[in-house]
Amino acid sequence: MRTFADKVIEFNQALDFRGKLPEGIRIMNPFQEDAKITSIAASFYKKYYNDCNTRRLILGINPGRFGAGVTGVPFTDTKRLTDQCGIKYFGKETHEPSSVFVYEVIEAYGGINKFYNDFYINSVCPLGFTIGDEKGKEKNYNYYDSKELTNAVAAFIVDSIKKQIEFGLQTDICYCFGTGENEKFLRLINNENGFFKEIIGLEHPRYVMQYKLKSKQQYIDKYITEFRKVI
């Protein structure tokens, strides 16, 4: 029988966006760009998802360059991958504030094994985007940062969510990281497709770390309260 891990790994390896992107936007597909990332992510999922349990879905926005862009695991930078998850990584070390916050939430919830037994994290758009700044340096770009990009990837997003639900996800609740444009778009496509009975929006980890750091514990408590309502 195919495990939850098998299904995630197959999904990641098959991710491929063939649509036309707006000028200046580059898609970031770590599973096609670096074979090492595919192997690292597979090790993670085999360690924590090697079962046939059902889980609830958490969706962020889209992968960033220093988190899933290098580890293949959403909201997990290389430091958390090695130090917290015990997965070997060889390469440039990355630090992502969102990952720091998420792993503090995971610890407060009861630890990595308990958390990943109950939840599966990905992003509304499972592939990321970058754009060059005025100096030619690449920076992260969100799928909702331009209407043109949103329209270009909308069908891909819907198809990706449908495929992930088939992993064995519970559809009573979906948690959304990002209470602005991300939640707005997710609610829109959910209304059209009926993926989940309820969507619970939570402030995005990066927002907390960048703008609400002094109140971080309050947001951790809020996350835990929402997660435990249904467990």
Protein backbone atom coordinates (compact mmCIF):
# COMPACT_ATOMS: atom_id res chain seq x y z
CA MET A 1 0.00 0.00 0.00
CA ARG A 2 1.28 3.45 -0.91
CA THR A 3 1.97 5.55 2.16
CA PHE A 4 1.28 9.23 2.68
CA ALA A 5 5.00 9.79 2.09
CA ASP A 6 4.91 7.93 -1.22
CA LYS A 7 2.08 10.14 -2.44
CA VAL A 8 3.81 13.39 -1.42
CA ILE A 9 7.09 12.36 -3.03
CA GLU A 10 5.34 11.40 -6.28
CA PHE A 11 3.43 14.68 -6.26
CA ASN A 12 6.61 16.72 -5.78
CA GLN A 13 8.48 14.89 -8.50
CA ALA A 14 5.62 15.44 -10.95
CA LEU A 15 5.24 19.17 -10.27
CA ASP A 16 5.59 20.97 -13.57
CA PHE A 17 4.07 24.28 -14.63
CA ARG A 18 3.90 24.67 -18.39
CA GLY A 19 1.81 27.82 -18.63
CA LYS A 20 3.01 31.23 -19.75
CA LEU A 21 4.29 33.53 -17.02
CA PRO A 22 4.28 37.35 -17.09
CA GLU A 23 7.45 38.92 -18.40
CA GLY A 24 10.22 39.07 -15.83
CA ILE A 25 8.78 36.36 -13.57
CA ARG A 26 10.68 33.10 -13.17
CA ILE A 27 9.19 29.95 -11.70
CA MET A 28 11.14 28.19 -8.99
CA ASN A 29 10.84 24.40 -9.09
CA PRO A 30 13.43 22.93 -6.73
CA PHE A 31 12.45 19.37 -7.64
CA GLN A 32 13.49 19.93 -11.26
CA GLU A 33 16.38 22.27 -10.62
CA ASP A 34 18.39 20.19 -8.14
CA ALA A 35 18.23 16.39 -7.79
CA LYS A 36 19.70 16.76 -4.30
CA ILE A 37 16.58 18.58 -3.12
CA THR A 38 14.33 15.77 -4.34
CA SER A 39 16.37 13.30 -2.30
CA ILE A 40 16.40 15.52 0.81
CA ALA A 41 12.65 16.06 0.73
CA ALA A 42 12.05 12.34 0.19
CA SER A 43 14.11 11.58 3.30
CA PHE A 44 12.01 14.01 5.30
CA TYR A 45 8.67 12.58 4.18
CA LYS A 46 9.78 8.98 4.63
CA LYS A 47 10.82 9.83 8.18
CA TYR A 48 7.65 11.66 9.25
CA TYR A 49 4.91 10.51 6.86
CA ASN A 50 5.67 6.84 6.29
CA ASP A 51 2.14 5.72 7.19
CA CYS A 52 -1.41 5.79 5.89
CA ASN A 53 -2.80 8.22 8.46
CA THR A 54 -5.12 11.08 7.55
CA ARG A 55 -4.02 14.63 8.26
CA ARG A 56 -5.29 18.18 8.04
CA LEU A 57 -3.85 20.58 5.52
CA ILE A 58 -2.00 23.83 6.20
CA LEU A 59 -1.37 26.08 3.20
CA GLY A 60 1.14 28.91 3.00
CA ILE A 61 1.56 31.20 -0.01
CA ASN A 62 4.30 29.74 -2.21
CA PRO A 63 7.83 28.42 -1.55
CA GLY A 64 10.61 30.89 -0.81
CA ARG A 65 14.23 30.83 -1.91
CA PHE A 66 15.63 30.05 1.55
CA GLY A 67 13.04 27.55 2.79
CA ALA A 68 11.37 25.01 0.53
CA GLY A 69 13.38 26.43 -2.36
CA VAL A 70 16.47 24.67 -0.99
CA THR A 71 15.03 21.89 1.19
CA GLY A 72 11.90 20.87 -0.71
CA VAL A 73 10.00 21.01 2.59
CA PRO A 74 7.61 23.95 3.17
CA PHE A 75 8.53 26.31 6.03
CA THR A 76 11.71 24.36 6.69
CA ASP A 77 15.07 26.03 6.11
CA THR A 78 18.36 24.13 6.23
CA LYS A 79 18.94 24.90 9.92
CA ARG A 80 15.59 23.48 11.00
CA LEU A 81 15.99 20.56 8.57
CA THR A 82 19.24 19.41 10.15
CA ASP A 83 18.94 20.54 13.77
CA GLN A 84 15.25 19.88 14.37
CA CYS A 85 14.31 17.21 11.83
CA GLY A 86 17.58 15.29 11.80
CA ILE A 87 17.82 15.21 8.00
CA LYS A 88 21.31 15.46 6.51
CA TYR A 89 21.94 18.44 4.27
CA PHE A 90 25.10 19.36 2.39
CA GLY A 91 25.28 22.80 0.87
CA LYS A 92 24.83 26.44 1.69
CA GLU A 93 23.10 26.96 5.02
CA THR A 94 19.95 29.09 4.91
CA HIS A 95 17.94 30.91 7.54
CA GLU A 96 14.29 31.77 7.03
CA PRO A 97 12.37 33.66 9.75
CA SER A 98 9.12 31.92 8.81
CA SER A 99 10.75 28.58 9.50
CA VAL A 100 11.91 29.74 12.92
CA PHE A 101 8.36 30.66 13.90
CA VAL A 102 6.78 27.49 12.51
CA TYR A 103 9.17 25.26 14.40
CA GLU A 104 8.48 27.13 17.62
CA VAL A 105 4.80 26.42 16.99
CA ILE A 106 5.62 22.77 16.31
CA GLU A 107 7.49 22.53 19.61
CA ALA A 108 4.61 24.15 21.49
CA TYR A 109 2.16 21.75 19.85
CA GLY A 110 3.99 18.73 21.21
CA GLY A 111 7.01 18.22 19.00
CA ILE A 112 7.82 17.26 15.45
CA ASN A 113 6.49 13.71 15.48
CA LYS A 114 3.12 14.69 16.92
CA PHE A 115 2.75 17.72 14.67
CA TYR A 116 3.57 15.98 11.41
CA ASN A 117 1.37 13.06 12.41
CA ASP A 118 -1.58 15.46 12.53
CA PHE A 119 -0.73 18.01 9.82
CA TYR A 120 0.65 18.27 6.32
CA ILE A 121 2.03 21.65 5.20
CA ASN A 122 2.31 22.93 1.67
CA SER A 123 1.42 26.18 -0.10
CA VAL A 124 -1.55 27.44 -2.08
CA CYS A 125 0.84 27.47 -5.03
CA PRO A 126 3.31 24.58 -4.53
CA LEU A 127 5.93 26.21 -6.75
CA GLY A 128 7.57 29.56 -6.05
CA PHE A 129 8.41 32.60 -8.14
CA THR A 130 11.19 35.15 -8.33
CA ILE A 131 11.66 38.51 -9.99
CA GLY A 132 14.79 40.55 -10.58
CA ASP A 133 15.13 43.87 -8.79
CA GLU A 134 16.68 47.03 -10.23
CA LYS A 135 20.15 45.59 -9.57
CA GLY A 136 19.33 42.28 -11.23
CA LYS A 137 19.17 40.38 -7.94
CA GLU A 138 16.43 37.78 -7.63
CA LYS A 139 13.87 38.15 -4.87
CA ASN A 140 10.78 36.20 -3.90
CA TYR A 141 7.52 36.98 -5.68
CA ASN A 142 4.07 35.84 -4.56
CA TYR A 143 1.49 34.30 -6.88
CA TYR A 144 -0.95 37.11 -5.96
CA ASP A 145 1.51 40.00 -6.45
CA SER A 146 0.10 40.61 -9.90
CA LYS A 147 -3.31 39.76 -11.32
CA GLU A 148 -1.64 38.50 -14.47
CA LEU A 149 0.39 35.94 -12.53
CA THR A 150 -2.61 34.89 -10.43
CA ASN A 151 -4.62 34.24 -13.57
CA ALA A 152 -1.73 32.34 -15.15
CA VAL A 153 -1.37 29.89 -12.25
CA ALA A 154 -4.98 29.61 -11.02
CA ALA A 155 -5.78 26.35 -12.82
CA PHE A 156 -2.45 24.87 -11.72
CA ILE A 157 -3.24 25.78 -8.10
CA VAL A 158 -6.71 24.22 -8.22
CA ASP A 159 -5.35 21.03 -9.78
CA SER A 160 -2.58 20.83 -7.17
CA ILE A 161 -5.00 21.11 -4.26
CA LYS A 162 -7.23 18.40 -5.74
CA LYS A 163 -4.27 16.05 -6.06
CA GLN A 164 -3.12 16.69 -2.50
CA ILE A 165 -6.56 16.04 -1.01
CA GLU A 166 -6.24 12.54 -2.49
CA PHE A 167 -3.22 11.87 -0.23
CA GLY A 168 -5.71 11.22 2.55
CA LEU A 169 -6.37 14.72 3.85
CA GLN A 170 -9.31 15.52 6.07
CA THR A 171 -11.43 18.18 4.41
CA ASP A 172 -13.39 19.55 7.34
CA ILE A 173 -10.80 22.29 7.92
CA CYS A 174 -7.92 23.85 6.02
CA TYR A 175 -5.58 26.25 7.77
CA CYS A 176 -4.32 29.21 5.75
CA PHE A 177 -1.09 31.02 6.61
CA GLY A 178 -1.75 34.59 5.52
CA THR A 179 -4.92 36.49 6.40
CA GLY A 180 -4.75 38.92 3.49
CA GLU A 181 -4.54 38.12 -0.21
CA ASN A 182 -3.65 34.47 0.35
CA GLU A 183 -6.74 33.75 2.43
CA LYS A 184 -8.89 35.80 0.05
CA PHE A 185 -7.79 33.78 -2.97
CA LEU A 186 -8.04 30.44 -1.18
CA ARG A 187 -11.59 31.23 -0.09
CA LEU A 188 -12.47 32.20 -3.65
CA ILE A 189 -11.33 28.93 -5.19
CA ASN A 190 -12.75 26.96 -2.27
CA ASN A 191 -16.15 28.51 -2.88
CA GLU A 192 -15.89 27.48 -6.51
CA ASN A 193 -14.60 23.95 -5.91
CA GLY A 194 -15.82 22.94 -2.45
CA PHE A 195 -12.47 21.59 -1.25
CA PHE A 196 -12.98 22.26 2.46
CA LYS A 197 -15.92 22.87 4.77
CA GLU A 198 -14.06 25.59 6.66
CA ILE A 199 -10.93 27.69 6.16
CA ILE A 200 -9.20 29.13 9.21
CA GLY A 201 -6.90 32.03 8.48
CA LEU A 202 -3.79 32.59 10.61
CA GLU A 203 -1.34 35.47 10.38
CA HIS A 204 1.57 34.48 8.17
CA PRO A 205 4.72 33.45 10.04
CA ARG A 206 6.81 36.01 8.17
CA TYR A 207 4.38 38.78 9.13
CA VAL A 208 4.68 37.77 12.78
CA MET A 209 8.48 37.66 12.69
CA GLN A 210 8.82 40.91 10.75
CA TYR A 211 6.15 43.09 12.32
CA LYS A 212 4.91 41.46 15.53
CA LEU A 213 8.04 39.95 17.03
CA LYS A 214 7.37 41.36 20.51
CA SER A 215 3.97 39.64 20.45
CA LYS A 216 5.26 36.38 18.98
CA GLN A 217 4.13 34.23 21.89
CA GLN A 218 0.57 35.49 21.51
CA TYR A 219 0.56 34.30 17.90
CA ILE A 220 2.07 30.94 18.85
CA ASP A 221 -0.70 30.55 21.41
CA LYS A 222 -3.29 31.47 18.79
CA TYR A 223 -1.94 28.87 16.36
CA ILE A 224 -2.00 26.17 19.04
CA THR A 225 -5.53 27.07 20.11
CA GLU A 226 -6.80 26.77 16.53
CA PHE A 227 -4.91 23.54 15.85
CA ARG A 228 -6.17 21.85 19.00
CA LYS A 229 -9.84 22.70 18.41
CA VAL A 230 -10.19 19.67 16.17
CA ILE A 231 -7.67 17.22 17.63
